[in-house]
Amino acid sequence: MLIIKTTAYSEAGVKHSQAYDEARIAYMKSLARAGVLLADEE
């Protein structure tokens, strides 16, 4: 489990930038293509 720790920003509900969201989606796709992704939740 790759555990993403909370920050003051995530606790305040501040949304990430579009660039970060796009990078995260690309990362998840690479995990899925490699066949290692089981779950990803926020």
PDB file of all heavy atoms in Angstrom:
ATOM      1  N   MET A   1       0.855  -1.169   0.000  1.00  0.00           N
ATOM      2  CA  MET A   1       0.000   0.000   0.000  1.00  0.00           C
ATOM      3  C   MET A   1       0.897   1.227   0.000  1.00  0.00           C
ATOM      4  O   MET A   1       1.793   1.349   0.828  1.00  0.00           O
ATOM      5  CB  MET A   1      -0.911   0.008   1.224  1.00  0.00           C
ATOM      6  CG  MET A   1      -1.888   1.168   1.239  1.00  0.00           C
ATOM      7  SD  MET A   1      -3.012   1.106   2.642  1.00  0.00           S
ATOM      8  CE  MET A   1      -4.167  -0.120   2.061  1.00  0.00           C
ATOM      9  N   LEU A   2       0.665   2.093  -0.990  1.00  0.00           N
ATOM     10  CA  LEU A   2       1.355   3.378  -1.040  1.00  0.00           C
ATOM     11  C   LEU A   2       0.393   4.367  -0.386  1.00  0.00           C
ATOM     12  O   LEU A   2      -0.645   4.704  -0.954  1.00  0.00           O
ATOM     13  CB  LEU A   2       1.655   3.769  -2.484  1.00  0.00           C
ATOM     14  CG  LEU A   2       2.331   2.698  -3.349  1.00  0.00           C
ATOM     15  CD1 LEU A   2       2.591   3.237  -4.751  1.00  0.00           C
ATOM     16  CD2 LEU A   2       3.604   2.185  -2.714  1.00  0.00           C
ATOM     17  N   ILE A   3       0.732   4.790   0.816  1.00  0.00           N
ATOM     18  CA  ILE A   3      -0.161   5.622   1.628  1.00  0.00           C
ATOM     19  C   ILE A   3       0.223   7.085   1.442  1.00  0.00           C
ATOM     20  O   ILE A   3       1.339   7.483   1.746  1.00  0.00           O
ATOM     21  CB  ILE A   3      -0.064   5.228   3.111  1.00  0.00           C
ATOM     22  CG1 ILE A   3      -0.412   3.741   3.278  1.00  0.00           C
ATOM     23  CG2 ILE A   3      -0.963   6.112   3.962  1.00  0.00           C
ATOM     24  CD1 ILE A   3      -0.040   3.167   4.629  1.00  0.00           C
ATOM     25  N   ILE A   4      -0.722   7.869   0.953  1.00  0.00           N
ATOM     26  CA  ILE A   4      -0.492   9.301   0.761  1.00  0.00           C
ATOM     27  C   ILE A   4      -0.944  10.000   2.039  1.00  0.00           C
ATOM     28  O   ILE A   4      -2.104   9.914   2.433  1.00  0.00           O
ATOM     29  CB  ILE A   4      -1.258   9.839  -0.471  1.00  0.00           C
ATOM     30  CG1 ILE A   4      -0.732   9.182  -1.758  1.00  0.00           C
ATOM     31  CG2 ILE A   4      -1.111  11.350  -0.578  1.00  0.00           C
ATOM     32  CD1 ILE A   4      -1.559   8.041  -2.223  1.00  0.00           C
ATOM     33  N   LYS A   5      -0.013  10.660   2.675  1.00  0.00           N
ATOM     34  CA  LYS A   5      -0.319  11.319   3.943  1.00  0.00           C
ATOM     35  C   LYS A   5      -1.057  12.639   3.714  1.00  0.00           C
ATOM     36  O   LYS A   5      -0.878  13.309   2.704  1.00  0.00           O
ATOM     37  CB  LYS A   5       0.972  11.588   4.730  1.00  0.00           C
ATOM     38  CG  LYS A   5       1.715  10.333   5.121  1.00  0.00           C
ATOM     39  CD  LYS A   5       0.899   9.492   6.081  1.00  0.00           C
ATOM     40  CE  LYS A   5       1.713   8.333   6.599  1.00  0.00           C
ATOM     41  NZ  LYS A   5       1.464   8.012   7.963  1.00  0.00           N
ATOM     42  N   THR A   6      -1.856  12.983   4.686  1.00  0.00           N
ATOM     43  CA  THR A   6      -2.638  14.214   4.655  1.00  0.00           C
ATOM     44  C   THR A   6      -1.736  15.428   4.837  1.00  0.00           C
ATOM     45  O   THR A   6      -0.742  15.381   5.561  1.00  0.00           O
ATOM     46  CB  THR A   6      -3.689  14.180   5.786  1.00  0.00           C
ATOM     47  OG1 THR A   6      -4.567  13.094   5.545  1.00  0.00           O
ATOM     48  CG2 THR A   6      -4.475  15.454   5.861  1.00  0.00           C
ATOM     49  N   THR A   7      -2.110  16.515   4.176  1.00  0.00           N
ATOM     50  CA  THR A   7      -1.468  17.815   4.390  1.00  0.00           C
ATOM     51  C   THR A   7      -2.545  18.787   4.845  1.00  0.00           C
ATOM     52  O   THR A   7      -3.734  18.476   4.792  1.00  0.00           O
ATOM     53  CB  THR A   7      -0.834  18.345   3.092  1.00  0.00           C
ATOM     54  OG1 THR A   7      -1.874  18.622   2.155  1.00  0.00           O
ATOM     55  CG2 THR A   7       0.161  17.350   2.502  1.00  0.00           C
ATOM     56  N   ALA A   8      -2.144  19.955   5.262  1.00  0.00           N
ATOM     57  CA  ALA A   8      -3.131  20.976   5.651  1.00  0.00           C
ATOM     58  C   ALA A   8      -4.032  21.311   4.465  1.00  0.00           C
ATOM     59  O   ALA A   8      -5.221  21.571   4.627  1.00  0.00           O
ATOM     60  CB  ALA A   8      -2.413  22.228   6.160  1.00  0.00           C
ATOM     61  N   TYR A   9      -3.478  21.248   3.257  1.00  0.00           N
ATOM     62  CA  TYR A   9      -4.263  21.557   2.067  1.00  0.00           C
ATOM     63  C   TYR A   9      -5.310  20.474   1.785  1.00  0.00           C
ATOM     64  O   TYR A   9      -6.458  20.768   1.486  1.00  0.00           O
ATOM     65  CB  TYR A   9      -3.363  21.741   0.839  1.00  0.00           C
ATOM     66  CG  TYR A   9      -2.615  23.043   0.865  1.00  0.00           C
ATOM     67  CD1 TYR A   9      -1.294  23.089   1.265  1.00  0.00           C
ATOM     68  CD2 TYR A   9      -3.234  24.225   0.494  1.00  0.00           C
ATOM     69  CE1 TYR A   9      -0.601  24.290   1.306  1.00  0.00           C
ATOM     70  CE2 TYR A   9      -2.550  25.436   0.525  1.00  0.00           C
ATOM     71  CZ  TYR A   9      -1.235  25.451   0.936  1.00  0.00           C
ATOM     72  OH  TYR A   9      -0.569  26.646   0.976  1.00  0.00           O
ATOM     73  N   SER A  10      -4.900  19.208   1.868  1.00  0.00           N
ATOM     74  CA  SER A  10      -5.870  18.138   1.600  1.00  0.00           C
ATOM     75  C   SER A  10      -6.951  18.115   2.680  1.00  0.00           C
ATOM     76  O   SER A  10      -8.117  17.866   2.394  1.00  0.00           O
ATOM     77  CB  SER A  10      -5.179  16.771   1.494  1.00  0.00           C
ATOM     78  OG  SER A  10      -4.547  16.410   2.695  1.00  0.00           O
ATOM     79  N   GLU A  11      -6.590  18.409   3.916  1.00  0.00           N
ATOM     80  CA  GLU A  11      -7.576  18.465   4.999  1.00  0.00           C
ATOM     81  C   GLU A  11      -8.558  19.619   4.805  1.00  0.00           C
ATOM     82  O   GLU A  11      -9.711  19.528   5.205  1.00  0.00           O
ATOM     83  CB  GLU A  11      -6.890  18.608   6.360  1.00  0.00           C
ATOM     84  CG  GLU A  11      -6.524  17.298   6.988  1.00  0.00           C
ATOM     85  CD  GLU A  11      -7.713  16.406   7.282  1.00  0.00           C
ATOM     86  OE1 GLU A  11      -8.466  16.680   8.234  1.00  0.00           O
ATOM     87  OE2 GLU A  11      -7.901  15.424   6.547  1.00  0.00           O
ATOM     88  N   ALA A  12      -8.090  20.693   4.185  1.00  0.00           N
ATOM     89  CA  ALA A  12      -8.969  21.844   3.922  1.00  0.00           C
ATOM     90  C   ALA A  12      -9.811  21.634   2.665  1.00  0.00           C
ATOM     91  O   ALA A  12     -10.652  22.473   2.333  1.00  0.00           O
ATOM     92  CB  ALA A  12      -8.133  23.115   3.793  1.00  0.00           C
ATOM     93  N   GLY A  13      -9.579  20.531   1.965  1.00  0.00           N
ATOM     94  CA  GLY A  13     -10.352  20.250   0.759  1.00  0.00           C
ATOM     95  C   GLY A  13      -9.881  21.007  -0.466  1.00  0.00           C
ATOM     96  O   GLY A  13     -10.598  21.103  -1.459  1.00  0.00           O
ATOM     97  N   VAL A  14      -8.655  21.547  -0.407  1.00  0.00           N
ATOM     98  CA  VAL A  14      -8.109  22.285  -1.543  1.00  0.00           C
ATOM     99  C   VAL A  14      -7.810  21.295  -2.668  1.00  0.00           C
ATOM    100  O   VAL A  14      -7.141  20.281  -2.459  1.00  0.00           O
ATOM    101  CB  VAL A  14      -6.825  23.046  -1.139  1.00  0.00           C
ATOM    102  CG1 VAL A  14      -6.172  23.700  -2.345  1.00  0.00           C
ATOM    103  CG2 VAL A  14      -7.126  24.057  -0.052  1.00  0.00           C
ATOM    104  N   LYS A  15      -8.312  21.579  -3.842  1.00  0.00           N
ATOM    105  CA  LYS A  15      -8.110  20.708  -4.995  1.00  0.00           C
ATOM    106  C   LYS A  15      -6.731  20.943  -5.596  1.00  0.00           C
ATOM    107  O   LYS A  15      -6.187  22.036  -5.540  1.00  0.00           O
ATOM    108  CB  LYS A  15      -9.199  20.948  -6.056  1.00  0.00           C
ATOM    109  CG  LYS A  15     -10.605  20.630  -5.563  1.00  0.00           C
ATOM    110  CD  LYS A  15     -10.721  19.164  -5.207  1.00  0.00           C
ATOM    111  CE  LYS A  15     -12.084  18.833  -4.650  1.00  0.00           C
ATOM    112  NZ  LYS A  15     -12.131  17.535  -4.029  1.00  0.00           N
ATOM    113  N   HIS A  16      -6.190  19.891  -6.198  1.00  0.00           N
ATOM    114  CA  HIS A  16      -4.884  19.985  -6.832  1.00  0.00           C
ATOM    115  C   HIS A  16      -4.994  20.683  -8.183  1.00  0.00           C
ATOM    116  O   HIS A  16      -6.072  20.826  -8.746  1.00  0.00           O
ATOM    117  CB  HIS A  16      -4.296  18.584  -7.026  1.00  0.00           C
ATOM    118  CG  HIS A  16      -4.050  17.873  -5.737  1.00  0.00           C
ATOM    119  ND1 HIS A  16      -3.074  18.253  -4.845  1.00  0.00           N
ATOM    120  CD2 HIS A  16      -4.661  16.801  -5.180  1.00  0.00           C
ATOM    121  CE1 HIS A  16      -3.092  17.454  -3.805  1.00  0.00           C
ATOM    122  NE2 HIS A  16      -4.048  16.564  -3.974  1.00  0.00           N
ATOM    123  N   SER A  17      -3.846  21.052  -8.734  1.00  0.00           N
ATOM    124  CA  SER A  17      -3.802  21.691 -10.044  1.00  0.00           C
ATOM    125  C   SER A  17      -4.178  20.683 -11.130  1.00  0.00           C
ATOM    126  O   SER A  17      -4.077  19.467 -10.943  1.00  0.00           O
ATOM    127  CB  SER A  17      -2.403  22.229 -10.327  1.00  0.00           C
ATOM    128  OG  SER A  17      -1.505  21.146 -10.521  1.00  0.00           O
ATOM    129  N   GLN A  18      -4.569  21.200 -12.265  1.00  0.00           N
ATOM    130  CA  GLN A  18      -4.919  20.343 -13.392  1.00  0.00           C
ATOM    131  C   GLN A  18      -3.690  19.554 -13.850  1.00  0.00           C
ATOM    132  O   GLN A  18      -3.801  18.383 -14.203  1.00  0.00           O
ATOM    133  CB  GLN A  18      -5.488  21.166 -14.542  1.00  0.00           C
ATOM    134  CG  GLN A  18      -5.947  20.302 -15.701  1.00  0.00           C
ATOM    135  CD  GLN A  18      -6.609  21.107 -16.793  1.00  0.00           C
ATOM    136  OE1 GLN A  18      -6.869  22.293 -16.656  1.00  0.00           O
ATOM    137  NE2 GLN A  18      -6.892  20.447 -17.902  1.00  0.00           N
ATOM    138  N   ALA A  19      -2.534  20.183 -13.809  1.00  0.00           N
ATOM    139  CA  ALA A  19      -1.298  19.499 -14.214  1.00  0.00           C
ATOM    140  C   ALA A  19      -1.034  18.296 -13.310  1.00  0.00           C
ATOM    141  O   ALA A  19      -0.660  17.216 -13.793  1.00  0.00           O
ATOM    142  CB  ALA A  19      -0.123  20.472 -14.170  1.00  0.00           C
ATOM    143  N   TYR A  20      -1.230  18.464 -11.998  1.00  0.00           N
ATOM    144  CA  TYR A  20      -1.031  17.344 -11.073  1.00  0.00           C
ATOM    145  C   TYR A  20      -2.059  16.250 -11.341  1.00  0.00           C
ATOM    146  O   TYR A  20      -1.713  15.061 -11.385  1.00  0.00           O
ATOM    147  CB  TYR A  20      -1.125  17.803  -9.620  1.00  0.00           C
ATOM    148  CG  TYR A  20      -1.150  16.648  -8.650  1.00  0.00           C
ATOM    149  CD1 TYR A  20       0.014  15.948  -8.353  1.00  0.00           C
ATOM    150  CD2 TYR A  20      -2.337  16.227  -8.058  1.00  0.00           C
ATOM    151  CE1 TYR A  20       0.006  14.869  -7.485  1.00  0.00           C
ATOM    152  CE2 TYR A  20      -2.360  15.143  -7.195  1.00  0.00           C
ATOM    153  CZ  TYR A  20      -1.194  14.475  -6.910  1.00  0.00           C
ATOM    154  OH  TYR A  20      -1.207  13.399  -6.065  1.00  0.00           O
ATOM    155  N   ASP A  21      -3.317  16.624 -11.529  1.00  0.00           N
ATOM    156  CA  ASP A  21      -4.363  15.640 -11.803  1.00  0.00           C
ATOM    157  C   ASP A  21      -4.051  14.834 -13.059  1.00  0.00           C
ATOM    158  O   ASP A  21      -4.206  13.610 -13.085  1.00  0.00           O
ATOM    159  CB  ASP A  21      -5.732  16.311 -11.933  1.00  0.00           C
ATOM    160  CG  ASP A  21      -6.265  16.822 -10.601  1.00  0.00           C
ATOM    161  OD1 ASP A  21      -5.794  16.357  -9.541  1.00  0.00           O
ATOM    162  OD2 ASP A  21      -7.160  17.697 -10.622  1.00  0.00           O
ATOM    163  N   GLU A  22      -3.567  15.515 -14.107  1.00  0.00           N
ATOM    164  CA  GLU A  22      -3.209  14.828 -15.350  1.00  0.00           C
ATOM    165  C   GLU A  22      -2.018  13.895 -15.144  1.00  0.00           C
ATOM    166  O   GLU A  22      -1.997  12.770 -15.663  1.00  0.00           O
ATOM    167  CB  GLU A  22      -2.926  15.846 -16.452  1.00  0.00           C
ATOM    168  CG  GLU A  22      -4.176  16.566 -16.926  1.00  0.00           C
ATOM    169  CD  GLU A  22      -3.891  17.748 -17.834  1.00  0.00           C
ATOM    170  OE1 GLU A  22      -2.701  18.040 -18.110  1.00  0.00           O
ATOM    171  OE2 GLU A  22      -4.870  18.396 -18.268  1.00  0.00           O
ATOM    172  N   ALA A  23      -1.032  14.324 -14.366  1.00  0.00           N
ATOM    173  CA  ALA A  23       0.133  13.488 -14.082  1.00  0.00           C
ATOM    174  C   ALA A  23      -0.282  12.265 -13.272  1.00  0.00           C
ATOM    175  O   ALA A  23       0.207  11.157 -13.506  1.00  0.00           O
ATOM    176  CB  ALA A  23       1.192  14.290 -13.328  1.00  0.00           C
ATOM    177  N   ARG A  24      -1.197  12.455 -12.357  1.00  0.00           N
ATOM    178  CA  ARG A  24      -1.688  11.341 -11.528  1.00  0.00           C
ATOM    179  C   ARG A  24      -2.441  10.319 -12.385  1.00  0.00           C
ATOM    180  O   ARG A  24      -2.267   9.108 -12.215  1.00  0.00           O
ATOM    181  CB  ARG A  24      -2.578  11.890 -10.416  1.00  0.00           C
ATOM    182  CG  ARG A  24      -3.031  10.854  -9.445  1.00  0.00           C
ATOM    183  CD  ARG A  24      -2.586  11.192  -8.038  1.00  0.00           C
ATOM    184  NE  ARG A  24      -3.263  10.330  -7.101  1.00  0.00           N
ATOM    185  CZ  ARG A  24      -2.737   9.191  -6.659  1.00  0.00           C
ATOM    186  NH1 ARG A  24      -1.550   8.825  -7.036  1.00  0.00           N
ATOM    187  NH2 ARG A  24      -3.401   8.431  -5.822  1.00  0.00           N
ATOM    188  N   ILE A  25      -3.270  10.799 -13.302  1.00  0.00           N
ATOM    189  CA  ILE A  25      -4.003   9.904 -14.202  1.00  0.00           C
ATOM    190  C   ILE A  25      -3.023   9.108 -15.063  1.00  0.00           C
ATOM    191  O   ILE A  25      -3.169   7.895 -15.226  1.00  0.00           O
ATOM    192  CB  ILE A  25      -5.002  10.699 -15.070  1.00  0.00           C
ATOM    193  CG1 ILE A  25      -6.157  11.213 -14.207  1.00  0.00           C
ATOM    194  CG2 ILE A  25      -5.534   9.852 -16.217  1.00  0.00           C
ATOM    195  CD1 ILE A  25      -7.039  12.252 -14.884  1.00  0.00           C
ATOM    196  N   ALA A  26      -2.000   9.769 -15.585  1.00  0.00           N
ATOM    197  CA  ALA A  26      -0.986   9.087 -16.397  1.00  0.00           C
ATOM    198  C   ALA A  26      -0.252   8.035 -15.566  1.00  0.00           C
ATOM    199  O   ALA A  26       0.021   6.924 -16.044  1.00  0.00           O
ATOM    200  CB  ALA A  26      -0.006  10.104 -16.979  1.00  0.00           C
ATOM    201  N   TYR A  27       0.049   8.359 -14.320  1.00  0.00           N
ATOM    202  CA  TYR A  27       0.723   7.419 -13.422  1.00  0.00           C
ATOM    203  C   TYR A  27      -0.157   6.194 -13.182  1.00  0.00           C
ATOM    204  O   TYR A  27       0.315   5.055 -13.253  1.00  0.00           O
ATOM    205  CB  TYR A  27       1.057   8.135 -12.113  1.00  0.00           C
ATOM    206  CG  TYR A  27       1.586   7.241 -11.029  1.00  0.00           C
ATOM    207  CD1 TYR A  27       2.873   6.706 -11.099  1.00  0.00           C
ATOM    208  CD2 TYR A  27       0.814   6.934  -9.912  1.00  0.00           C
ATOM    209  CE1 TYR A  27       3.361   5.887 -10.090  1.00  0.00           C
ATOM    210  CE2 TYR A  27       1.294   6.121  -8.898  1.00  0.00           C
ATOM    211  CZ  TYR A  27       2.566   5.607  -8.990  1.00  0.00           C
ATOM    212  OH  TYR A  27       3.050   4.802  -8.004  1.00  0.00           O
ATOM    213  N   MET A  28      -1.438   6.411 -12.923  1.00  0.00           N
ATOM    214  CA  MET A  28      -2.358   5.291 -12.692  1.00  0.00           C
ATOM    215  C   MET A  28      -2.468   4.414 -13.939  1.00  0.00           C
ATOM    216  O   MET A  28      -2.523   3.184 -13.844  1.00  0.00           O
ATOM    217  CB  MET A  28      -3.746   5.790 -12.282  1.00  0.00           C
ATOM    218  CG  MET A  28      -3.814   6.372 -10.891  1.00  0.00           C
ATOM    219  SD  MET A  28      -3.231   5.210  -9.655  1.00  0.00           S
ATOM    220  CE  MET A  28      -2.320   6.316  -8.617  1.00  0.00           C
ATOM    221  N   LYS A  29      -2.490   5.039 -15.102  1.00  0.00           N
ATOM    222  CA  LYS A  29      -2.535   4.267 -16.347  1.00  0.00           C
ATOM    223  C   LYS A  29      -1.274   3.431 -16.504  1.00  0.00           C
ATOM    224  O   LYS A  29      -1.335   2.291 -16.962  1.00  0.00           O
ATOM    225  CB  LYS A  29      -2.725   5.197 -17.544  1.00  0.00           C
ATOM    226  CG  LYS A  29      -4.136   5.743 -17.659  1.00  0.00           C
ATOM    227  CD  LYS A  29      -4.286   6.647 -18.864  1.00  0.00           C
ATOM    228  CE  LYS A  29      -5.713   7.170 -18.973  1.00  0.00           C
ATOM    229  NZ  LYS A  29      -5.875   8.076 -20.120  1.00  0.00           N
ATOM    230  N   SER A  30      -0.115   3.965 -16.115  1.00  0.00           N
ATOM    231  CA  SER A  30       1.127   3.199 -16.222  1.00  0.00           C
ATOM    232  C   SER A  30       1.118   2.021 -15.250  1.00  0.00           C
ATOM    233  O   SER A  30       1.581   0.935 -15.595  1.00  0.00           O
ATOM    234  CB  SER A  30       2.352   4.092 -16.014  1.00  0.00           C
ATOM    235  OG  SER A  30       2.435   4.552 -14.689  1.00  0.00           O
ATOM    236  N   LEU A  31       0.566   2.208 -14.057  1.00  0.00           N
ATOM    237  CA  LEU A  31       0.426   1.097 -13.113  1.00  0.00           C
ATOM    238  C   LEU A  31      -0.494   0.022 -13.686  1.00  0.00           C
ATOM    239  O   LEU A  31      -0.196  -1.175 -13.600  1.00  0.00           O
ATOM    240  CB  LEU A  31      -0.150   1.588 -11.780  1.00  0.00           C
ATOM    241  CG  LEU A  31       0.759   2.385 -10.852  1.00  0.00           C
ATOM    242  CD1 LEU A  31      -0.050   3.002  -9.716  1.00  0.00           C
ATOM    243  CD2 LEU A  31       1.862   1.515 -10.300  1.00  0.00           C
ATOM    244  N   ALA A  32      -1.607   0.458 -14.292  1.00  0.00           N
ATOM    245  CA  ALA A  32      -2.568  -0.485 -14.864  1.00  0.00           C
ATOM    246  C   ALA A  32      -1.950  -1.241 -16.041  1.00  0.00           C
ATOM    247  O   ALA A  32      -2.099  -2.461 -16.150  1.00  0.00           O
ATOM    248  CB  ALA A  32      -3.840   0.251 -15.294  1.00  0.00           C
ATOM    249  N   ARG A  33      -1.232  -0.520 -16.920  1.00  0.00           N
ATOM    250  CA  ARG A  33      -0.583  -1.174 -18.072  1.00  0.00           C
ATOM    251  C   ARG A  33       0.441  -2.208 -17.616  1.00  0.00           C
ATOM    252  O   ARG A  33       0.612  -3.245 -18.246  1.00  0.00           O
ATOM    253  CB  ARG A  33       0.091  -0.137 -18.969  1.00  0.00           C
ATOM    254  CG  ARG A  33      -0.834   0.514 -19.972  1.00  0.00           C
ATOM    255  CD  ARG A  33      -0.070   1.310 -21.023  1.00  0.00           C
ATOM    256  NE  ARG A  33       0.817   2.323 -20.476  1.00  0.00           N
ATOM    257  CZ  ARG A  33       0.446   3.565 -20.136  1.00  0.00           C
ATOM    258  NH1 ARG A  33      -0.800   3.942 -20.302  1.00  0.00           N
ATOM    259  NH2 ARG A  33       1.313   4.417 -19.657  1.00  0.00           N
ATOM    260  N   ALA A  34       1.120  -1.923 -16.516  1.00  0.00           N
ATOM    261  CA  ALA A  34       2.119  -2.850 -15.987  1.00  0.00           C
ATOM    262  C   ALA A  34       1.459  -4.028 -15.266  1.00  0.00           C
ATOM    263  O   ALA A  34       2.139  -4.994 -14.907  1.00  0.00           O
ATOM    264  CB  ALA A  34       3.066  -2.120 -15.034  1.00  0.00           C
ATOM    265  N   GLY A  35       0.151  -3.935 -15.032  1.00  0.00           N
ATOM    266  CA  GLY A  35      -0.580  -5.023 -14.387  1.00  0.00           C
ATOM    267  C   GLY A  35      -0.376  -5.109 -12.892  1.00  0.00           C
ATOM    268  O   GLY A  35      -0.594  -6.162 -12.299  1.00  0.00           O
ATOM    269  N   VAL A  36       0.034  -4.010 -12.255  1.00  0.00           N
ATOM    270  CA  VAL A  36       0.301  -4.045 -10.813  1.00  0.00           C
ATOM    271  C   VAL A  36      -0.746  -3.303  -9.983  1.00  0.00           C
ATOM    272  O   VAL A  36      -0.775  -3.451  -8.763  1.00  0.00           O
ATOM    273  CB  VAL A  36       1.711  -3.504 -10.489  1.00  0.00           C
ATOM    274  CG1 VAL A  36       2.786  -4.340 -11.168  1.00  0.00           C
ATOM    275  CG2 VAL A  36       1.861  -2.046 -10.859  1.00  0.00           C
ATOM    276  N   LEU A  37      -1.619  -2.537 -10.617  1.00  0.00           N
ATOM    277  CA  LEU A  37      -2.596  -1.725  -9.889  1.00  0.00           C
ATOM    278  C   LEU A  37      -3.762  -2.582  -9.409  1.00  0.00           C
ATOM    279  O   LEU A  37      -4.410  -3.261 -10.194  1.00  0.00           O
ATOM    280  CB  LEU A  37      -3.121  -0.595 -10.785  1.00  0.00           C
ATOM    281  CG  LEU A  37      -4.164   0.334 -10.154  1.00  0.00           C
ATOM    282  CD1 LEU A  37      -3.580   1.087  -8.964  1.00  0.00           C
ATOM    283  CD2 LEU A  37      -4.683   1.309 -11.197  1.00  0.00           C
ATOM    284  N   LEU A  38      -4.023  -2.544  -8.102  1.00  0.00           N
ATOM    285  CA  LEU A  38      -5.166  -3.247  -7.530  1.00  0.00           C
ATOM    286  C   LEU A  38      -6.265  -2.275  -7.118  1.00  0.00           C
ATOM    287  O   LEU A  38      -7.448  -2.580  -7.263  1.00  0.00           O
ATOM    288  CB  LEU A  38      -4.739  -4.066  -6.301  1.00  0.00           C
ATOM    289  CG  LEU A  38      -3.717  -5.173  -6.554  1.00  0.00           C
ATOM    290  CD1 LEU A  38      -3.320  -5.835  -5.238  1.00  0.00           C
ATOM    291  CD2 LEU A  38      -4.268  -6.194  -7.533  1.00  0.00           C
ATOM    292  N   ALA A  39      -5.880  -1.110  -6.589  1.00  0.00           N
ATOM    293  CA  ALA A  39      -6.868  -0.123  -6.146  1.00  0.00           C
ATOM    294  C   ALA A  39      -6.195   1.236  -6.012  1.00  0.00           C
ATOM    295  O   ALA A  39      -4.989   1.322  -5.794  1.00  0.00           O
ATOM    296  CB  ALA A  39      -7.482  -0.524  -4.804  1.00  0.00           C
ATOM    297  N   ASP A  40      -6.990   2.271  -6.138  1.00  0.00           N
ATOM    298  CA  ASP A  40      -6.509   3.642  -5.941  1.00  0.00           C
ATOM    299  C   ASP A  40      -7.692   4.459  -5.438  1.00  0.00           C
ATOM    300  O   ASP A  40      -8.700   4.577  -6.135  1.00  0.00           O
ATOM    301  CB  ASP A  40      -5.972   4.228  -7.245  1.00  0.00           C
ATOM    302  CG  ASP A  40      -5.495   5.664  -7.060  1.00  0.00           C
ATOM    303  OD1 ASP A  40      -4.587   5.880  -6.237  1.00  0.00           O
ATOM    304  OD2 ASP A  40      -6.053   6.555  -7.707  1.00  0.00           O
ATOM    305  N   GLU A  41      -7.592   4.974  -4.233  1.00  0.00           N
ATOM    306  CA  GLU A  41      -8.701   5.709  -3.628  1.00  0.00           C
ATOM    307  C   GLU A  41      -8.205   6.968  -2.929  1.00  0.00           C
ATOM    308  O   GLU A  41      -7.119   6.990  -2.365  1.00  0.00           O
ATOM    309  CB  GLU A  41      -9.437   4.838  -2.600  1.00  0.00           C
ATOM    310  CG  GLU A  41     -10.027   3.567  -3.156  1.00  0.00           C
ATOM    311  CD  GLU A  41     -11.203   3.780  -4.097  1.00  0.00           C
ATOM    312  OE1 GLU A  41     -11.850   4.846  -4.003  1.00  0.00           O
ATOM    313  OE2 GLU A  41     -11.470   2.901  -4.915  1.00  0.00           O
ATOM    314  N   GLU A  42      -9.037   7.990  -2.978  1.00  0.00           N
ATOM    315  CA  GLU A  42      -8.774   9.229  -2.256  1.00  0.00           C
ATOM    316  C   GLU A  42      -9.799   9.316  -1.136  1.00  0.00           C
ATOM    317  O   GLU A  42     -10.975   9.028  -1.345  1.00  0.00           O
ATOM    318  CB  GLU A  42      -8.926  10.420  -3.203  1.00  0.00           C
ATOM    319  CG  GLU A  42      -8.542  11.736  -2.594  1.00  0.00           C
ATOM    320  CD  GLU A  42      -8.618  12.891  -3.604  1.00  0.00           C
ATOM    321  OE1 GLU A  42      -8.556  12.623  -4.810  1.00  0.00           O
ATOM    322  OE2 GLU A  42      -8.755  14.033  -3.154  1.00  0.00           O
TER     323      GLU A  42
END
